[in-house]
Protein backbone atom coordinates (compact mmCIF):
# COMPACT_ATOMS: atom_id res chain seq x y z
CA UNK A 1 135.40 244.44 -25.42
CA UNK A 2 138.45 245.97 -23.72
CA UNK A 3 138.99 248.51 -26.48
CA UNK A 4 135.34 249.56 -26.34
CA UNK A 5 135.28 250.27 -22.61
CA UNK A 6 138.68 251.96 -22.85
CA UNK A 7 137.17 254.37 -25.37
CA UNK A 8 134.62 255.24 -22.71
CA UNK A 9 137.44 256.19 -20.33
CA UNK A 10 137.55 253.04 -18.21
CA UNK A 11 140.81 251.69 -16.83
CA UNK A 12 142.12 248.76 -14.78
CA UNK A 13 139.89 249.29 -11.76
CA UNK A 14 136.79 249.43 -13.94
CA UNK A 15 137.85 246.19 -15.65
CA UNK A 16 137.83 244.56 -12.21
CA UNK A 17 134.31 245.88 -11.64
CA UNK A 18 133.16 244.58 -15.02
CA UNK A 19 134.64 241.16 -14.25
CA UNK A 20 132.73 241.17 -10.97
CA UNK A 21 129.50 241.94 -12.84
CA UNK A 22 130.15 238.97 -15.14
CA UNK A 23 130.86 236.75 -12.13
CA UNK A 24 127.65 237.80 -10.39
CA UNK A 25 125.58 237.19 -13.51
CA UNK A 26 127.21 234.05 -14.91
CA UNK A 27 128.62 232.18 -11.93
CA UNK A 28 126.48 233.41 -9.04
CA UNK A 29 123.36 233.35 -11.27
CA UNK A 30 122.10 236.74 -10.04
CA UNK A 31 118.96 238.03 -11.72
CA UNK A 32 119.97 240.49 -14.50
CA UNK A 33 116.89 242.61 -13.77
CA UNK A 34 118.07 243.05 -10.18
CA UNK A 35 121.61 243.91 -11.32
CA UNK A 36 120.40 246.51 -13.83
CA UNK A 37 120.44 249.46 -11.40
CA UNK A 38 123.89 248.59 -10.05
CA UNK A 39 125.33 248.38 -13.56
CA UNK A 40 123.56 251.59 -14.65
CA UNK A 41 125.02 253.40 -11.64
CA UNK A 42 128.50 252.12 -12.56
CA UNK A 43 128.05 253.14 -16.20
CA UNK A 44 126.69 256.67 -15.60
CA UNK A 45 130.16 258.25 -15.37
CA UNK A 46 131.22 256.74 -18.70
CA UNK A 47 128.95 258.32 -21.29
CA UNK A 48 131.45 260.08 -23.55
CA UNK A 49 133.39 258.21 -26.23
CA UNK A 50 137.07 259.10 -26.13
CA UNK A 51 139.76 258.29 -28.65
CA UNK A 52 143.56 258.33 -28.60
CA UNK A 53 143.66 261.62 -30.47
CA UNK A 54 141.40 264.53 -29.58
CA UNK A 55 141.71 266.00 -33.07
CA UNK A 56 141.16 263.61 -35.96
CA UNK A 57 144.07 265.18 -37.87
CA UNK A 58 146.56 264.39 -35.10
CA UNK A 59 146.51 260.68 -35.91
CA UNK A 60 147.94 261.36 -39.33
CA UNK A 61 150.81 263.44 -37.97
CA UNK A 62 152.44 260.17 -36.89
CA UNK A 63 152.14 258.53 -40.30
CA UNK A 64 154.34 259.35 -43.25
CA UNK A 65 152.75 258.91 -46.63
CA UNK A 66 155.07 258.45 -49.59
């Protein structure tokens, strides 16, 4: 899961938020339907998938093929 949210641009602070969502849902037994808006609000700034290399060719610049 960490690699997937990282691709969306999330970092350490967002991981803390995600852990808090899990706690609320799994440990505190909050109703998922009531949490939906809070999670959607959190997620709205992370809509674009990002990768390590902006240009797909750049990844191969670091590899040497023989």
